[in-house]
Amino acid sequence: MVTLKFVWDQFSYHNDESDDLSGQLVEQYEGETIEEACDNAAACYDWDDGEVYNPNAKSELFETSRDLQTISIDVDGKWKEVKPETYEYYGEAEQRAMGI
């Protein structure tokens, strides 16, 4: 079993920038292979953006987004950043999951 940890910066964008929120989203996904764990993560492209939803905003929310920062693999209980090929595979898997 392979466990990957994905770290994203996440943001909300409002008409008035003072209403914007940001944060970090950390999620773990498992699979029999690195590719399967990436596929499982990619299938969740429509993530829960509740942490950057501002219920007190005075202006209209027009977008939430996230920006992938790192993918790490659990190696004997320690997180090690994956190789560039894994980022590339994940990006392609996410596009497939979104039907692009």
Protein backbone atom coordinates (compact mmCIF):
# COMPACT_ATOMS: atom_id res chain seq x y z
CA MET A 1 0.00 0.00 0.00
CA VAL A 2 1.24 3.49 -0.92
CA THR A 3 0.24 6.65 0.96
CA LEU A 4 0.68 10.06 -0.64
CA LYS A 5 0.24 13.41 1.08
CA PHE A 6 -0.90 16.36 -1.04
CA VAL A 7 -0.46 19.93 0.19
CA TRP A 8 -2.32 22.76 -1.55
CA ASP A 9 -2.56 26.46 -0.89
CA GLN A 10 -6.24 27.39 -1.17
CA PHE A 11 -7.89 30.75 -1.73
CA SER A 12 -11.23 32.51 -2.03
CA TYR A 13 -11.62 35.54 -4.27
CA HIS A 14 -14.26 38.21 -3.68
CA ASN A 15 -15.09 41.49 -5.37
CA ASP A 16 -13.57 43.18 -2.31
CA GLU A 17 -10.14 41.67 -1.63
CA SER A 18 -10.50 42.33 2.09
CA ASP A 19 -13.08 39.50 2.14
CA ASP A 20 -10.65 36.98 0.65
CA LEU A 21 -9.45 34.05 2.74
CA SER A 22 -6.55 31.67 2.26
CA GLY A 23 -5.30 28.54 3.92
CA GLN A 24 -3.56 25.26 3.43
CA LEU A 25 -5.30 22.03 2.52
CA VAL A 26 -3.55 18.75 3.41
CA GLU A 27 -5.01 15.42 2.34
CA GLN A 28 -3.73 11.85 2.15
CA TYR A 29 -4.64 9.27 -0.46
CA GLU A 30 -3.81 5.59 -0.67
CA GLY A 31 -3.45 3.09 -3.47
CA GLU A 32 -1.68 -0.09 -4.41
CA THR A 33 0.68 2.02 -6.53
CA ILE A 34 1.73 5.67 -6.71
CA GLU A 35 -0.39 5.99 -9.84
CA GLU A 36 -3.48 4.60 -8.12
CA ALA A 37 -3.02 6.97 -5.17
CA CYS A 38 -2.68 9.87 -7.65
CA ASP A 39 -5.81 8.71 -9.47
CA ASN A 40 -7.70 8.62 -6.16
CA ALA A 41 -6.55 12.16 -5.35
CA ALA A 42 -7.37 13.39 -8.86
CA ALA A 43 -10.91 12.06 -8.57
CA CYS A 44 -11.42 14.55 -5.69
CA TYR A 45 -10.70 17.63 -7.82
CA ASP A 46 -13.96 19.16 -6.55
CA TRP A 47 -12.63 19.57 -3.01
CA ASP A 48 -14.32 20.91 0.11
CA ASP A 49 -13.46 24.61 -0.01
CA GLY A 50 -15.30 25.36 3.23
CA GLU A 51 -12.13 26.55 4.98
CA VAL A 52 -11.83 29.49 2.59
CA TYR A 53 -15.55 30.29 2.46
CA ASN A 54 -16.10 33.59 4.26
CA PRO A 55 -19.67 33.72 5.64
CA ASN A 56 -19.06 37.30 6.84
CA ALA A 57 -17.99 38.62 3.44
CA LYS A 58 -19.65 41.87 2.42
CA SER A 59 -18.84 41.36 -1.27
CA GLU A 60 -19.68 38.60 -3.71
CA LEU A 61 -17.56 35.45 -3.88
CA PHE A 62 -16.59 34.76 -7.47
CA GLU A 63 -14.09 31.92 -7.16
CA THR A 64 -12.25 29.52 -4.92
CA SER A 65 -9.07 27.84 -6.07
CA ARG A 66 -6.20 25.74 -4.87
CA ASP A 67 -2.59 25.50 -5.95
CA LEU A 68 -0.67 22.26 -5.43
CA GLN A 69 2.51 22.83 -3.44
CA THR A 70 3.88 19.36 -2.71
CA ILE A 71 3.22 15.66 -3.03
CA SER A 72 5.04 13.46 -0.55
CA ILE A 73 5.21 9.70 -0.10
CA ASP A 74 5.31 7.89 3.21
CA VAL A 75 8.58 5.96 3.34
CA ASP A 76 8.93 4.03 6.60
CA GLY A 77 6.95 6.66 8.50
CA LYS A 78 8.76 9.67 7.03
CA TRP A 79 7.43 11.96 4.30
CA LYS A 80 9.68 12.28 1.24
CA GLU A 81 8.83 14.52 -1.71
CA VAL A 82 8.01 12.53 -4.84
CA LYS A 83 9.86 12.74 -8.15
CA PRO A 84 8.79 15.27 -10.82
CA GLU A 85 7.21 12.46 -12.86
CA THR A 86 4.63 11.96 -10.11
CA TYR A 87 3.55 15.61 -10.31
CA GLU A 88 3.22 15.22 -14.07
CA TYR A 89 1.19 12.02 -13.70
CA TYR A 90 -1.08 13.65 -11.11
CA GLY A 91 -1.71 16.66 -13.35
CA GLU A 92 -2.69 14.38 -16.23
CA ALA A 93 -4.87 12.25 -13.93
CA GLU A 94 -6.68 15.34 -12.68
CA GLN A 95 -7.36 16.47 -16.24
CA ARG A 96 -8.75 13.02 -17.08
CA ALA A 97 -10.94 13.11 -13.96
CA MET A 98 -12.32 16.51 -15.02
CA GLY A 99 -12.93 15.26 -18.56
CA ILE A 100 -10.43 17.66 -20.13
